[in-house]
Every structure is written in structure tokens, then in C-alpha cells.
Amino acid sequence: MTITTPFGEVPLRNFVKDTVSTGPVTIKHEDTDRIITITGGVTNRDLKSVADDIQRILDEIEKPADFKIELSGSFEQMQSTFRDFGYVIMLAFALVYMIMVGQFESFREPFIIMFTIPLAI
């Protein structure tokens, strides 16, 4: 195989060195960073405890400064769901408070009610 250059046709073997070795079948990239995906299944344990154990082991491993390890998949979805749930709860409290302010025509009384009744239960 030849490559056309300003100096004419040049054989490809002049540009490359041919070696046989083993390596990954594909190299995946995300934002120009190489990534390796390791998958696994969880049985007989909850996902959070498995993720905590994996993270503890990964934290003990010495790695270069530009090297990072992230847990994703079901664990990442679970974390995102809990974070979104927290936002929804805060929004619900704010909405209930605003409705109570309108009903009681006071900012103080709904605040007192919202924080004393749950403690009384």
C-alpha cells in the first residue's frame, strides 16, 4: 500500500512499525479520556453496601494523579433518584408552607405548626 506525498508515492511501511501484541479489543473514550468498563452483578446483598465495599477497596489502591475511578450504572441511578427525591421533598414543604401562609394569613403560625406537629407524633 502506498501513500501519496508531495514527493511522490511512498510505501506505508516507511511510516509504521509492525508489531504483534495483545491488547484491548476496543479503546473507549469519553471527553478524550480513555475509559475501561468493568461490570458485575449483585445478589444476596443490597446495592449500597456493595458499592461502599467497592469504594473502600478502591480508595486503598494507589493510583496516578490523572487516574480516576467512578461507580456508575444502577448505583449512579440510585444516587440520582435519592437526590431528586430530596429536592421534591423540599419543594413539597415549601408549597405546603405557602398554602398555610395563605390560609392563616401569617408567616409565623404555619412555621410553628410545621415544626411542632411532627415532633409531637
N, C-alpha and C. Protein backbone atom coordinates (compact mmCIF):
# COMPACT_ATOMS: atom_id res chain seq x y z
N MET A 1 0.85 -1.16 0.00
CA MET A 1 0.00 0.00 0.00
C MET A 1 0.90 1.23 0.00
N THR A 2 0.53 2.23 -0.78
CA THR A 2 1.34 3.45 -0.88
C THR A 2 0.53 4.67 -0.47
N ILE A 3 1.26 5.70 -0.07
CA ILE A 3 0.65 6.97 0.33
C ILE A 3 1.20 8.05 -0.59
N THR A 4 0.30 8.91 -1.07
CA THR A 4 0.72 9.99 -1.95
C THR A 4 1.23 11.16 -1.13
N THR A 5 2.44 11.62 -1.42
CA THR A 5 3.05 12.77 -0.74
C THR A 5 3.49 13.76 -1.81
N PRO A 6 3.92 14.96 -1.42
CA PRO A 6 4.43 15.92 -2.41
C PRO A 6 5.65 15.39 -3.17
N PHE A 7 6.30 14.37 -2.60
CA PHE A 7 7.49 13.81 -3.24
C PHE A 7 7.17 12.56 -4.04
N GLY A 8 5.90 12.22 -4.16
CA GLY A 8 5.50 11.04 -4.93
C GLY A 8 4.89 9.97 -4.04
N GLU A 9 4.77 8.77 -4.57
CA GLU A 9 4.21 7.63 -3.85
C GLU A 9 5.26 7.05 -2.90
N VAL A 10 4.88 6.88 -1.63
CA VAL A 10 5.79 6.33 -0.63
C VAL A 10 5.10 5.13 0.01
N PRO A 11 5.82 4.00 0.16
CA PRO A 11 5.20 2.83 0.78
C PRO A 11 4.83 3.10 2.24
N LEU A 12 3.70 2.54 2.68
CA LEU A 12 3.22 2.72 4.04
C LEU A 12 4.22 2.19 5.06
N ARG A 13 4.96 1.14 4.74
CA ARG A 13 5.92 0.56 5.68
C ARG A 13 7.02 1.54 6.07
N ASN A 14 7.20 2.64 5.32
CA ASN A 14 8.18 3.66 5.69
C ASN A 14 7.70 4.51 6.87
N PHE A 15 6.39 4.48 7.17
CA PHE A 15 5.82 5.31 8.23
C PHE A 15 5.48 4.55 9.50
N VAL A 16 5.32 3.25 9.41
CA VAL A 16 4.86 2.47 10.56
C VAL A 16 5.80 1.33 10.86
N LYS A 17 5.75 0.89 12.11
CA LYS A 17 6.49 -0.29 12.51
C LYS A 17 5.47 -1.35 12.89
N ASP A 18 5.62 -2.48 12.38
CA ASP A 18 4.69 -3.59 12.53
C ASP A 18 5.08 -4.46 13.71
N THR A 19 4.22 -4.56 14.76
CA THR A 19 4.49 -5.47 15.87
C THR A 19 3.21 -6.20 16.23
N VAL A 20 3.37 -7.41 16.72
CA VAL A 20 2.23 -8.21 17.17
C VAL A 20 2.23 -8.20 18.69
N SER A 21 1.08 -7.85 19.27
CA SER A 21 0.95 -7.86 20.72
C SER A 21 -0.52 -8.05 21.08
N THR A 22 -0.77 -8.27 22.37
CA THR A 22 -2.15 -8.39 22.83
C THR A 22 -2.57 -7.07 23.46
N GLY A 23 -3.84 -6.78 23.42
CA GLY A 23 -4.36 -5.54 24.00
C GLY A 23 -5.87 -5.56 23.96
N PRO A 24 -6.48 -4.47 24.40
CA PRO A 24 -7.93 -4.43 24.40
C PRO A 24 -8.47 -4.48 22.97
N VAL A 25 -9.64 -5.09 22.83
CA VAL A 25 -10.25 -5.18 21.51
C VAL A 25 -10.67 -3.80 21.04
N THR A 26 -11.21 -2.99 21.94
CA THR A 26 -11.57 -1.61 21.62
C THR A 26 -11.07 -0.70 22.74
N ILE A 27 -10.81 0.53 22.40
CA ILE A 27 -10.43 1.54 23.38
C ILE A 27 -11.52 2.59 23.37
N LYS A 28 -12.24 2.70 24.48
CA LYS A 28 -13.35 3.66 24.57
C LYS A 28 -12.82 4.97 25.12
N HIS A 29 -13.42 6.05 24.65
CA HIS A 29 -13.05 7.39 25.11
C HIS A 29 -14.30 8.15 25.54
N GLU A 30 -14.13 8.98 26.56
CA GLU A 30 -15.19 9.89 26.99
C GLU A 30 -14.51 11.21 27.29
N ASP A 31 -14.85 12.25 26.54
CA ASP A 31 -14.20 13.56 26.68
C ASP A 31 -12.68 13.42 26.57
N THR A 32 -12.21 12.72 25.60
CA THR A 32 -10.80 12.47 25.28
C THR A 32 -10.06 11.65 26.33
N ASP A 33 -10.75 11.15 27.35
CA ASP A 33 -10.12 10.29 28.35
C ASP A 33 -10.40 8.84 28.01
N ARG A 34 -9.39 7.99 28.15
CA ARG A 34 -9.61 6.56 27.96
C ARG A 34 -10.41 6.02 29.13
N ILE A 35 -11.35 5.14 28.83
CA ILE A 35 -12.15 4.55 29.90
C ILE A 35 -12.18 3.04 29.76
N ILE A 36 -12.25 2.38 30.88
CA ILE A 36 -12.40 0.93 30.94
C ILE A 36 -13.66 0.66 31.74
N THR A 37 -14.51 -0.21 31.22
CA THR A 37 -15.75 -0.54 31.90
C THR A 37 -15.63 -1.93 32.50
N ILE A 38 -15.90 -2.02 33.78
CA ILE A 38 -15.92 -3.31 34.48
C ILE A 38 -17.34 -3.50 35.00
N THR A 39 -17.96 -4.61 34.66
CA THR A 39 -19.34 -4.84 35.08
C THR A 39 -19.42 -5.98 36.07
N GLY A 40 -20.47 -5.98 36.84
CA GLY A 40 -20.68 -7.05 37.81
C GLY A 40 -22.14 -7.07 38.23
N GLY A 41 -22.53 -8.16 38.82
CA GLY A 41 -23.90 -8.31 39.30
C GLY A 41 -23.91 -8.43 40.81
N VAL A 42 -25.02 -8.03 41.41
CA VAL A 42 -25.16 -8.08 42.87
C VAL A 42 -26.29 -9.04 43.21
N THR A 43 -25.98 -10.04 44.04
CA THR A 43 -27.01 -10.95 44.53
C THR A 43 -26.84 -11.12 46.03
N ASN A 44 -27.94 -11.29 46.72
CA ASN A 44 -27.97 -11.55 48.16
C ASN A 44 -27.44 -10.40 49.02
N ARG A 45 -27.24 -9.23 48.45
CA ARG A 45 -26.82 -8.05 49.21
C ARG A 45 -27.46 -6.82 48.59
N ASP A 46 -27.56 -5.76 49.39
CA ASP A 46 -28.11 -4.53 48.83
C ASP A 46 -27.02 -3.77 48.09
N LEU A 47 -27.44 -2.99 47.10
CA LEU A 47 -26.52 -2.29 46.22
C LEU A 47 -25.64 -1.29 46.97
N LYS A 48 -26.20 -0.61 47.94
CA LYS A 48 -25.45 0.41 48.69
C LYS A 48 -24.27 -0.19 49.45
N SER A 49 -24.49 -1.33 50.12
CA SER A 49 -23.39 -1.94 50.88
C SER A 49 -22.30 -2.46 49.95
N VAL A 50 -22.70 -3.01 48.80
CA VAL A 50 -21.71 -3.48 47.83
C VAL A 50 -20.91 -2.30 47.29
N ALA A 51 -21.59 -1.20 46.95
CA ALA A 51 -20.90 -0.01 46.44
C ALA A 51 -19.95 0.56 47.50
N ASP A 52 -20.37 0.56 48.76
CA ASP A 52 -19.49 1.05 49.84
C ASP A 52 -18.25 0.18 49.98
N ASP A 53 -18.42 -1.15 49.89
CA ASP A 53 -17.27 -2.06 49.97
C ASP A 53 -16.32 -1.85 48.81
N ILE A 54 -16.87 -1.70 47.60
CA ILE A 54 -16.03 -1.48 46.41
C ILE A 54 -15.28 -0.16 46.56
N GLN A 55 -15.98 0.89 46.99
CA GLN A 55 -15.34 2.20 47.13
C GLN A 55 -14.23 2.16 48.18
N ARG A 56 -14.44 1.45 49.28
CA ARG A 56 -13.42 1.32 50.32
C ARG A 56 -12.17 0.65 49.76
N ILE A 57 -12.36 -0.41 48.98
CA ILE A 57 -11.22 -1.12 48.38
C ILE A 57 -10.52 -0.23 47.36
N LEU A 58 -11.29 0.50 46.55
CA LEU A 58 -10.70 1.37 45.54
C LEU A 58 -9.92 2.52 46.17
N ASP A 59 -10.38 3.01 47.31
CA ASP A 59 -9.68 4.10 47.99
C ASP A 59 -8.32 3.65 48.52
N GLU A 60 -8.16 2.36 48.80
CA GLU A 60 -6.90 1.84 49.31
C GLU A 60 -5.86 1.65 48.21
N ILE A 61 -6.30 1.62 46.95
CA ILE A 61 -5.39 1.40 45.83
C ILE A 61 -4.66 2.70 45.50
N GLU A 62 -3.34 2.62 45.37
CA GLU A 62 -2.57 3.79 44.94
C GLU A 62 -2.72 3.93 43.44
N LYS A 63 -3.05 5.15 43.00
CA LYS A 63 -3.24 5.39 41.57
C LYS A 63 -2.59 6.71 41.17
N PRO A 64 -2.22 6.84 39.90
CA PRO A 64 -1.61 8.09 39.44
C PRO A 64 -2.57 9.27 39.61
N ALA A 65 -2.03 10.49 39.60
CA ALA A 65 -2.84 11.69 39.84
C ALA A 65 -3.93 11.87 38.77
N ASP A 66 -3.65 11.49 37.53
CA ASP A 66 -4.62 11.70 36.45
C ASP A 66 -5.56 10.50 36.27
N PHE A 67 -5.58 9.61 37.21
CA PHE A 67 -6.35 8.37 37.14
C PHE A 67 -7.55 8.51 38.07
N LYS A 68 -8.75 8.21 37.59
CA LYS A 68 -9.92 8.27 38.48
C LYS A 68 -10.82 7.07 38.24
N ILE A 69 -11.51 6.68 39.30
CA ILE A 69 -12.41 5.53 39.26
C ILE A 69 -13.78 6.02 39.69
N GLU A 70 -14.80 5.68 38.91
CA GLU A 70 -16.16 6.09 39.22
C GLU A 70 -17.08 4.88 39.21
N LEU A 71 -18.00 4.83 40.15
CA LEU A 71 -19.04 3.81 40.15
C LEU A 71 -20.23 4.38 39.41
N SER A 72 -20.81 3.59 38.52
CA SER A 72 -21.96 4.09 37.76
C SER A 72 -22.98 2.98 37.58
N GLY A 73 -23.86 3.13 36.63
CA GLY A 73 -24.89 2.12 36.39
C GLY A 73 -26.01 2.25 37.39
N SER A 74 -26.45 1.14 37.95
CA SER A 74 -27.58 1.13 38.89
C SER A 74 -27.28 1.99 40.12
N PHE A 75 -26.04 1.96 40.59
CA PHE A 75 -25.67 2.76 41.76
C PHE A 75 -25.81 4.25 41.47
N GLU A 76 -25.33 4.67 40.31
CA GLU A 76 -25.43 6.08 39.93
C GLU A 76 -26.90 6.50 39.80
N GLN A 77 -27.73 5.63 39.23
CA GLN A 77 -29.16 5.92 39.11
C GLN A 77 -29.82 6.02 40.48
N MET A 78 -29.42 5.14 41.40
CA MET A 78 -29.97 5.17 42.75
C MET A 78 -29.61 6.49 43.44
N GLN A 79 -28.36 6.91 43.32
CA GLN A 79 -27.91 8.17 43.93
C GLN A 79 -28.69 9.35 43.34
N SER A 80 -28.87 9.35 42.03
CA SER A 80 -29.60 10.42 41.36
C SER A 80 -31.06 10.45 41.81
N THR A 81 -31.66 9.29 41.96
CA THR A 81 -33.06 9.21 42.41
C THR A 81 -33.21 9.75 43.82
N PHE A 82 -32.31 9.39 44.73
CA PHE A 82 -32.37 9.90 46.10
C PHE A 82 -32.16 11.41 46.14
N ARG A 83 -31.25 11.92 45.30
CA ARG A 83 -31.01 13.36 45.25
C ARG A 83 -32.27 14.08 44.75
N ASP A 84 -32.88 13.55 43.68
CA ASP A 84 -34.11 14.15 43.15
C ASP A 84 -35.24 14.07 44.17
N PHE A 85 -35.32 12.97 44.90
CA PHE A 85 -36.34 12.80 45.93
C PHE A 85 -36.19 13.87 47.01
N GLY A 86 -34.97 14.18 47.38
CA GLY A 86 -34.71 15.23 48.37
C GLY A 86 -35.20 16.58 47.88
N TYR A 87 -34.96 16.90 46.60
CA TYR A 87 -35.44 18.16 46.04
C TYR A 87 -36.97 18.22 46.05
N VAL A 88 -37.61 17.11 45.71
CA VAL A 88 -39.08 17.07 45.69
C VAL A 88 -39.64 17.27 47.09
N ILE A 89 -39.03 16.65 48.09
CA ILE A 89 -39.49 16.82 49.48
C ILE A 89 -39.38 18.28 49.91
N MET A 90 -38.25 18.93 49.59
CA MET A 90 -38.08 20.34 49.96
C MET A 90 -39.11 21.21 49.25
N LEU A 91 -39.36 20.93 47.98
CA LEU A 91 -40.36 21.68 47.23
C LEU A 91 -41.75 21.48 47.82
N ALA A 92 -42.06 20.26 48.23
CA ALA A 92 -43.37 19.97 48.84
C ALA A 92 -43.53 20.73 50.15
N PHE A 93 -42.49 20.75 50.98
CA PHE A 93 -42.57 21.51 52.24
C PHE A 93 -42.79 23.00 51.96
N ALA A 94 -42.06 23.53 50.97
CA ALA A 94 -42.22 24.95 50.64
C ALA A 94 -43.64 25.23 50.14
N LEU A 95 -44.17 24.35 49.31
CA LEU A 95 -45.52 24.54 48.78
C LEU A 95 -46.57 24.47 49.90
N VAL A 96 -46.45 23.49 50.78
CA VAL A 96 -47.39 23.37 51.91
C VAL A 96 -47.29 24.61 52.80
N TYR A 97 -46.07 25.08 53.05
CA TYR A 97 -45.88 26.28 53.88
C TYR A 97 -46.57 27.48 53.23
N MET A 98 -46.39 27.66 51.91
CA MET A 98 -47.00 28.80 51.23
C MET A 98 -48.53 28.72 51.28
N ILE A 99 -49.09 27.53 51.12
CA ILE A 99 -50.55 27.37 51.21
C ILE A 99 -51.03 27.70 52.62
N MET A 100 -50.30 27.24 53.63
CA MET A 100 -50.68 27.53 55.01
C MET A 100 -50.56 29.02 55.33
N VAL A 101 -49.55 29.68 54.77
CA VAL A 101 -49.41 31.13 54.96
C VAL A 101 -50.64 31.84 54.41
N GLY A 102 -51.10 31.39 53.25
CA GLY A 102 -52.30 31.99 52.67
C GLY A 102 -53.54 31.73 53.52
N GLN A 103 -53.65 30.55 54.09
CA GLN A 103 -54.81 30.21 54.90
C GLN A 103 -54.79 30.94 56.26
N PHE A 104 -53.65 30.98 56.90
CA PHE A 104 -53.56 31.59 58.23
C PHE A 104 -53.26 33.09 58.18
N GLU A 105 -52.89 33.59 57.01
CA GLU A 105 -52.52 34.99 56.81
C GLU A 105 -51.45 35.41 57.81
N SER A 106 -50.48 34.51 57.98
CA SER A 106 -49.38 34.75 58.92
C SER A 106 -48.20 33.90 58.47
N PHE A 107 -46.99 34.41 58.67
CA PHE A 107 -45.79 33.62 58.35
C PHE A 107 -45.35 32.78 59.55
N ARG A 108 -45.69 33.25 60.74
CA ARG A 108 -45.21 32.61 61.95
C ARG A 108 -45.99 31.35 62.30
N GLU A 109 -47.30 31.39 62.24
CA GLU A 109 -48.12 30.26 62.66
C GLU A 109 -47.88 29.00 61.81
N PRO A 110 -47.84 29.09 60.47
CA PRO A 110 -47.54 27.87 59.69
C PRO A 110 -46.16 27.30 60.02
N PHE A 111 -45.21 28.17 60.29
CA PHE A 111 -43.86 27.72 60.65
C PHE A 111 -43.91 26.92 61.95
N ILE A 112 -44.63 27.46 62.93
CA ILE A 112 -44.76 26.77 64.23
C ILE A 112 -45.46 25.43 64.05
N ILE A 113 -46.55 25.42 63.28
CA ILE A 113 -47.31 24.19 63.06
C ILE A 113 -46.47 23.13 62.35
N MET A 114 -45.75 23.54 61.30
CA MET A 114 -44.98 22.57 60.51
C MET A 114 -43.84 21.95 61.29
N PHE A 115 -43.32 22.65 62.29
CA PHE A 115 -42.18 22.10 63.02
C PHE A 115 -42.51 21.56 64.40
N THR A 116 -43.73 21.80 64.90
CA THR A 116 -44.08 21.23 66.21
C THR A 116 -44.94 19.99 66.09
N ILE A 117 -45.84 19.93 65.12
CA ILE A 117 -46.71 18.75 64.99
C ILE A 117 -45.90 17.49 64.68
N PRO A 118 -44.95 17.50 63.75
CA PRO A 118 -44.17 16.27 63.51
C PRO A 118 -43.39 15.82 64.75
N LEU A 119 -42.95 16.74 65.58
CA LEU A 119 -42.22 16.38 66.80
C LEU A 119 -43.15 15.79 67.85
N ALA A 120 -44.44 16.13 67.79
CA ALA A 120 -45.40 15.63 68.77
C ALA A 120 -45.84 14.20 68.46
N ILE A 121 -45.63 13.77 67.25
CA ILE A 121 -46.09 12.43 66.85
C ILE A 121 -45.17 11.35 67.34
